[in-house]
Amino acid sequence: MPNNAPPTETLLRLPAVLERVACKKSTLYAMVARGDFPAPHRIRNTHISAWRASDIDRWIAAQVEEVA
């Protein structure tokens, strides 16, 4: 029986994002404010914010491409 469920998106909280991009919280939020980094998404009916892992992966890939 085929699984027709849409792929799931992994959400990352701030500590995981900071670990993946290797920067400080203040630097990360400054990049978000400048539009240089994806903004977090508010989780519905909560006070929780998280980033889509796919957004972070694309940002990292773009940074690597710029350096290469």
PDB file of N, CA and C in Angstrom:
ATOM      1  N   MET A   1       0.843  -1.180   0.000  1.00  0.00           N
ATOM      2  CA  MET A   1       0.000   0.000   0.000  1.00  0.00           C
ATOM      3  C   MET A   1       0.890   1.246   0.000  1.00  0.00           C
ATOM      4  N   PRO A   2       0.803   2.097  -1.032  1.00  0.00           N
ATOM      5  CA  PRO A   2       1.671   3.263  -1.126  1.00  0.00           C
ATOM      6  C   PRO A   2       1.338   4.312  -0.062  1.00  0.00           C
ATOM      7  N   ASN A   3       2.359   4.995   0.369  1.00  0.00           N
ATOM      8  CA  ASN A   3       2.188   6.065   1.347  1.00  0.00           C
ATOM      9  C   ASN A   3       2.074   7.388   0.593  1.00  0.00           C
ATOM     10  N   ASN A   4       0.879   7.954   0.548  1.00  0.00           N
ATOM     11  CA  ASN A   4       0.647   9.202  -0.178  1.00  0.00           C
ATOM     12  C   ASN A   4       0.722  10.421   0.722  1.00  0.00           C
ATOM     13  N   ALA A   5       1.213  10.249   1.926  1.00  0.00           N
ATOM     14  CA  ALA A   5       1.328  11.380   2.856  1.00  0.00           C
ATOM     15  C   ALA A   5       2.397  12.343   2.348  1.00  0.00           C
ATOM     16  N   PRO A   6       2.154  13.646   2.512  1.00  0.00           N
ATOM     17  CA  PRO A   6       3.166  14.605   2.096  1.00  0.00           C
ATOM     18  C   PRO A   6       4.413  14.458   2.958  1.00  0.00           C
ATOM     19  N   PRO A   7       5.584  14.814   2.405  1.00  0.00           N
ATOM     20  CA  PRO A   7       6.801  14.719   3.205  1.00  0.00           C
ATOM     21  C   PRO A   7       6.710  15.652   4.412  1.00  0.00           C
ATOM     22  N   THR A   8       7.290  15.236   5.494  1.00  0.00           N
ATOM     23  CA  THR A   8       7.258  16.068   6.693  1.00  0.00           C
ATOM     24  C   THR A   8       8.425  17.033   6.691  1.00  0.00           C
ATOM     25  N   GLU A   9       8.218  18.163   7.282  1.00  0.00           N
ATOM     26  CA  GLU A   9       9.248  19.198   7.393  1.00  0.00           C
ATOM     27  C   GLU A   9       9.774  19.180   8.817  1.00  0.00           C
ATOM     28  N   THR A  10      11.074  19.169   8.953  1.00  0.00           N
ATOM     29  CA  THR A  10      11.692  19.230  10.266  1.00  0.00           C
ATOM     30  C   THR A  10      11.808  20.688  10.683  1.00  0.00           C
ATOM     31  N   LEU A  11      11.434  20.956  11.920  1.00  0.00           N
ATOM     32  CA  LEU A  11      11.562  22.297  12.469  1.00  0.00           C
ATOM     33  C   LEU A  11      12.724  22.324  13.447  1.00  0.00           C
ATOM     34  N   LEU A  12      13.491  23.402  13.400  1.00  0.00           N
ATOM     35  CA  LEU A  12      14.652  23.551  14.268  1.00  0.00           C
ATOM     36  C   LEU A  12      14.452  24.719  15.208  1.00  0.00           C
ATOM     37  N   ARG A  13      14.727  24.496  16.482  1.00  0.00           N
ATOM     38  CA  ARG A  13      14.691  25.577  17.466  1.00  0.00           C
ATOM     39  C   ARG A  13      16.039  26.291  17.449  1.00  0.00           C
ATOM     40  N   LEU A  14      16.109  27.427  18.108  1.00  0.00           N
ATOM     41  CA  LEU A  14      17.283  28.291  18.078  1.00  0.00           C
ATOM     42  C   LEU A  14      18.600  27.568  18.383  1.00  0.00           C
ATOM     43  N   PRO A  15      18.715  26.787  19.455  1.00  0.00           N
ATOM     44  CA  PRO A  15      20.013  26.139  19.708  1.00  0.00           C
ATOM     45  C   PRO A  15      20.505  25.274  18.550  1.00  0.00           C
ATOM     46  N   ALA A  16      19.598  24.568  17.891  1.00  0.00           N
ATOM     47  CA  ALA A  16      19.988  23.723  16.759  1.00  0.00           C
ATOM     48  C   ALA A  16      20.429  24.566  15.570  1.00  0.00           C
ATOM     49  N   VAL A  17      19.744  25.686  15.330  1.00  0.00           N
ATOM     50  CA  VAL A  17      20.125  26.572  14.227  1.00  0.00           C
ATOM     51  C   VAL A  17      21.503  27.168  14.493  1.00  0.00           C
ATOM     52  N   LEU A  18      21.727  27.637  15.714  1.00  0.00           N
ATOM     53  CA  LEU A  18      23.023  28.223  16.056  1.00  0.00           C
ATOM     54  C   LEU A  18      24.156  27.210  15.874  1.00  0.00           C
ATOM     55  N   GLU A  19      23.892  25.981  16.220  1.00  0.00           N
ATOM     56  CA  GLU A  19      24.908  24.936  16.054  1.00  0.00           C
ATOM     57  C   GLU A  19      25.192  24.684  14.580  1.00  0.00           C
ATOM     58  N   ARG A  20      24.154  24.692  13.769  1.00  0.00           N
ATOM     59  CA  ARG A  20      24.339  24.397  12.341  1.00  0.00           C
ATOM     60  C   ARG A  20      25.044  25.510  11.595  1.00  0.00           C
ATOM     61  N   VAL A  21      24.797  26.763  11.979  1.00  0.00           N
ATOM     62  CA  VAL A  21      25.402  27.872  11.234  1.00  0.00           C
ATOM     63  C   VAL A  21      26.634  28.445  11.934  1.00  0.00           C
ATOM     64  N   ALA A  22      26.934  27.962  13.122  1.00  0.00           N
ATOM     65  CA  ALA A  22      28.150  28.320  13.855  1.00  0.00           C
ATOM     66  C   ALA A  22      28.302  29.834  14.042  1.00  0.00           C
ATOM     67  N   CYS A  23      27.287  30.439  14.621  1.00  0.00           N
ATOM     68  CA  CYS A  23      27.377  31.855  14.954  1.00  0.00           C
ATOM     69  C   CYS A  23      26.655  32.112  16.268  1.00  0.00           C
ATOM     70  N   LYS A  24      26.818  33.323  16.773  1.00  0.00           N
ATOM     71  CA  LYS A  24      26.156  33.701  18.019  1.00  0.00           C
ATOM     72  C   LYS A  24      24.720  34.133  17.735  1.00  0.00           C
ATOM     73  N   LYS A  25      23.911  34.111  18.794  1.00  0.00           N
ATOM     74  CA  LYS A  25      22.502  34.489  18.666  1.00  0.00           C
ATOM     75  C   LYS A  25      22.358  35.916  18.144  1.00  0.00           C
ATOM     76  N   SER A  26      23.159  36.839  18.654  1.00  0.00           N
ATOM     77  CA  SER A  26      23.049  38.239  18.218  1.00  0.00           C
ATOM     78  C   SER A  26      23.374  38.388  16.735  1.00  0.00           C
ATOM     79  N   THR A  27      24.355  37.639  16.258  1.00  0.00           N
ATOM     80  CA  THR A  27      24.710  37.673  14.838  1.00  0.00           C
ATOM     81  C   THR A  27      23.579  37.110  13.995  1.00  0.00           C
ATOM     82  N   LEU A  28      23.008  36.005  14.442  1.00  0.00           N
ATOM     83  CA  LEU A  28      21.913  35.376  13.707  1.00  0.00           C
ATOM     84  C   LEU A  28      20.738  36.339  13.566  1.00  0.00           C
ATOM     85  N   TYR A  29      20.314  36.954  14.666  1.00  0.00           N
ATOM     86  CA  TYR A  29      19.166  37.855  14.602  1.00  0.00           C
ATOM     87  C   TYR A  29      19.476  39.126  13.813  1.00  0.00           C
ATOM     88  N   ALA A  30      20.729  39.571  13.810  1.00  0.00           N
ATOM     89  CA  ALA A  30      21.113  40.709  12.972  1.00  0.00           C
ATOM     90  C   ALA A  30      20.988  40.332  11.493  1.00  0.00           C
ATOM     91  N   MET A  31      21.391  39.113  11.142  1.00  0.00           N
ATOM     92  CA  MET A  31      21.248  38.662   9.755  1.00  0.00           C
ATOM     93  C   MET A  31      19.778  38.546   9.373  1.00  0.00           C
ATOM     94  N   VAL A  32      18.936  38.073  10.292  1.00  0.00           N
ATOM     95  CA  VAL A  32      17.496  37.990  10.025  1.00  0.00           C
ATOM     96  C   VAL A  32      16.944  39.389   9.788  1.00  0.00           C
ATOM     97  N   ALA A  33      17.331  40.349  10.626  1.00  0.00           N
ATOM     98  CA  ALA A  33      16.832  41.726  10.492  1.00  0.00           C
ATOM     99  C   ALA A  33      17.243  42.351   9.158  1.00  0.00           C
ATOM    100  N   ARG A  34      18.430  42.017   8.672  1.00  0.00           N
ATOM    101  CA  ARG A  34      18.918  42.542   7.383  1.00  0.00           C
ATOM    102  C   ARG A  34      18.328  41.792   6.194  1.00  0.00           C
ATOM    103  N   GLY A  35      17.667  40.668   6.454  1.00  0.00           N
ATOM    104  CA  GLY A  35      17.130  39.856   5.363  1.00  0.00           C
ATOM    105  C   GLY A  35      18.162  38.918   4.769  1.00  0.00           C
ATOM    106  N   ASP A  36      19.285  38.728   5.474  1.00  0.00           N
ATOM    107  CA  ASP A  36      20.349  37.860   4.988  1.00  0.00           C
ATOM    108  C   ASP A  36      20.219  36.418   5.472  1.00  0.00           C
ATOM    109  N   PHE A  37      19.227  36.143   6.300  1.00  0.00           N
ATOM    110  CA  PHE A  37      19.034  34.806   6.861  1.00  0.00           C
ATOM    111  C   PHE A  37      17.529  34.579   6.988  1.00  0.00           C
ATOM    112  N   PRO A  38      17.068  33.352   6.795  1.00  0.00           N
ATOM    113  CA  PRO A  38      15.626  33.085   6.896  1.00  0.00           C
ATOM    114  C   PRO A  38      15.079  33.442   8.281  1.00  0.00           C
ATOM    115  N   ALA A  39      13.912  34.020   8.297  1.00  0.00           N
ATOM    116  CA  ALA A  39      13.255  34.349   9.566  1.00  0.00           C
ATOM    117  C   ALA A  39      12.593  33.099  10.141  1.00  0.00           C
ATOM    118  N   PRO A  40      12.494  33.034  11.454  1.00  0.00           N
ATOM    119  CA  PRO A  40      11.793  31.898  12.056  1.00  0.00           C
ATOM    120  C   PRO A  40      10.293  32.004  11.825  1.00  0.00           C
ATOM    121  N   HIS A  41       9.626  30.892  11.973  1.00  0.00           N
ATOM    122  CA  HIS A  41       8.176  30.827  11.835  1.00  0.00           C
ATOM    123  C   HIS A  41       7.557  30.607  13.204  1.00  0.00           C
ATOM    124  N   ARG A  42       6.465  31.302  13.474  1.00  0.00           N
ATOM    125  CA  ARG A  42       5.739  31.116  14.731  1.00  0.00           C
ATOM    126  C   ARG A  42       4.880  29.864  14.612  1.00  0.00           C
ATOM    127  N   ILE A  43       4.962  29.003  15.611  1.00  0.00           N
ATOM    128  CA  ILE A  43       4.141  27.802  15.630  1.00  0.00           C
ATOM    129  C   ILE A  43       2.742  28.196  16.101  1.00  0.00           C
ATOM    130  N   ARG A  44       1.752  27.825  15.346  1.00  0.00           N
ATOM    131  CA  ARG A  44       0.370  28.237  15.596  1.00  0.00           C
ATOM    132  C   ARG A  44      -0.067  27.959  17.035  1.00  0.00           C
ATOM    133  N   ASN A  45      -0.729  28.946  17.618  1.00  0.00           N
ATOM    134  CA  ASN A  45      -1.313  28.869  18.961  1.00  0.00           C
ATOM    135  C   ASN A  45      -0.293  28.628  20.068  1.00  0.00           C
ATOM    136  N   THR A  46       0.952  29.028  19.828  1.00  0.00           N
ATOM    137  CA  THR A  46       1.993  28.907  20.852  1.00  0.00           C
ATOM    138  C   THR A  46       2.856  30.160  20.825  1.00  0.00           C
ATOM    139  N   HIS A  47       3.775  30.228  21.732  1.00  0.00           N
ATOM    140  CA  HIS A  47       4.780  31.296  21.731  1.00  0.00           C
ATOM    141  C   HIS A  47       6.113  30.758  21.224  1.00  0.00           C
ATOM    142  N   ILE A  48       6.056  29.681  20.472  1.00  0.00           N
ATOM    143  CA  ILE A  48       7.261  29.011  19.995  1.00  0.00           C
ATOM    144  C   ILE A  48       7.574  29.459  18.577  1.00  0.00           C
ATOM    145  N   SER A  49       8.857  29.742  18.338  1.00  0.00           N
ATOM    146  CA  SER A  49       9.341  30.030  16.994  1.00  0.00           C
ATOM    147  C   SER A  49      10.344  28.955  16.606  1.00  0.00           C
ATOM    148  N   ALA A  50      10.358  28.626  15.332  1.00  0.00           N
ATOM    149  CA  ALA A  50      11.291  27.627  14.829  1.00  0.00           C
ATOM    150  C   ALA A  50      11.571  27.908  13.363  1.00  0.00           C
ATOM    151  N   TRP A  51      12.663  27.376  12.892  1.00  0.00           N
ATOM    152  CA  TRP A  51      13.052  27.509  11.496  1.00  0.00           C
ATOM    153  C   TRP A  51      12.805  26.204  10.782  1.00  0.00           C
ATOM    154  N   ARG A  52      12.432  26.282   9.524  1.00  0.00           N
ATOM    155  CA  ARG A  52      12.329  25.077   8.697  1.00  0.00           C
ATOM    156  C   ARG A  52      13.744  24.621   8.369  1.00  0.00           C
ATOM    157  N   ALA A  53      14.009  23.350   8.576  1.00  0.00           N
ATOM    158  CA  ALA A  53      15.339  22.808   8.289  1.00  0.00           C
ATOM    159  C   ALA A  53      15.703  23.020   6.821  1.00  0.00           C
ATOM    160  N   SER A  54      14.726  22.918   5.932  1.00  0.00           N
ATOM    161  CA  SER A  54      15.003  23.104   4.506  1.00  0.00           C
ATOM    162  C   SER A  54      15.461  24.532   4.206  1.00  0.00           C
ATOM    163  N   ASP A  55      14.922  25.526   4.909  1.00  0.00           N
ATOM    164  CA  ASP A  55      15.369  26.914   4.727  1.00  0.00           C
ATOM    165  C   ASP A  55      16.828  27.070   5.156  1.00  0.00           C
ATOM    166  N   ILE A  56      17.169  26.447   6.281  1.00  0.00           N
ATOM    167  CA  ILE A  56      18.538  26.536   6.785  1.00  0.00           C
ATOM    168  C   ILE A  56      19.486  25.801   5.837  1.00  0.00           C
ATOM    169  N   ASP A  57      19.086  24.641   5.349  1.00  0.00           N
ATOM    170  CA  ASP A  57      19.916  23.883   4.408  1.00  0.00           C
ATOM    171  C   ASP A  57      20.189  24.697   3.144  1.00  0.00           C
ATOM    172  N   ARG A  58      19.153  25.372   2.615  1.00  0.00           N
ATOM    173  CA  ARG A  58      19.336  26.201   1.413  1.00  0.00           C
ATOM    174  C   ARG A  58      20.282  27.361   1.692  1.00  0.00           C
ATOM    175  N   TRP A  59      20.148  27.994   2.863  1.00  0.00           N
ATOM    176  CA  TRP A  59      21.020  29.108   3.215  1.00  0.00           C
ATOM    177  C   TRP A  59      22.474  28.635   3.302  1.00  0.00           C
ATOM    178  N   ILE A  60      22.698  27.502   3.959  1.00  0.00           N
ATOM    179  CA  ILE A  60      24.058  26.965   4.076  1.00  0.00           C
ATOM    180  C   ILE A  60      24.625  26.660   2.690  1.00  0.00           C
ATOM    181  N   ALA A  61      23.841  26.032   1.833  1.00  0.00           N
ATOM    182  CA  ALA A  61      24.297  25.696   0.488  1.00  0.00           C
ATOM    183  C   ALA A  61      24.667  26.958  -0.290  1.00  0.00           C
ATOM    184  N   ALA A  62      23.881  28.013  -0.146  1.00  0.00           N
ATOM    185  CA  ALA A  62      24.178  29.279  -0.829  1.00  0.00           C
ATOM    186  C   ALA A  62      25.481  29.890  -0.327  1.00  0.00           C
ATOM    187  N   GLN A  63      25.748  29.769   0.963  1.00  0.00           N
ATOM    188  CA  GLN A  63      26.987  30.317   1.511  1.00  0.00           C
ATOM    189  C   GLN A  63      28.190  29.550   0.987  1.00  0.00           C
ATOM    190  N   VAL A  64      28.067  28.244   0.890  1.00  0.00           N
ATOM    191  CA  VAL A  64      29.155  27.404   0.380  1.00  0.00           C
ATOM    192  C   VAL A  64      29.420  27.718  -1.088  1.00  0.00           C
ATOM    193  N   GLU A  65      28.351  27.926  -1.867  1.00  0.00           N
ATOM    194  CA  GLU A  65      28.502  28.246  -3.279  1.00  0.00           C
ATOM    195  C   GLU A  65      29.217  29.581  -3.467  1.00  0.00           C
ATOM    196  N   GLU A  66      28.917  30.572  -2.590  1.00  0.00           N
ATOM    197  CA  GLU A  66      29.550  31.876  -2.707  1.00  0.00           C
ATOM    198  C   GLU A  66      31.051  31.795  -2.448  1.00  0.00           C
ATOM    199  N   VAL A  67      31.460  30.926  -1.536  1.00  0.00           N
ATOM    200  CA  VAL A  67      32.865  30.791  -1.189  1.00  0.00           C
ATOM    201  C   VAL A  67      33.626  30.046  -2.271  1.00  0.00           C
ATOM    202  N   ALA A  68      32.982  29.060  -2.876  1.00  0.00           N
ATOM    203  CA  ALA A  68      33.652  28.204  -3.879  1.00  0.00           C
ATOM    204  C   ALA A  68      33.988  28.936  -5.147  1.00  0.00           C
TER     205      ALA A  68
END
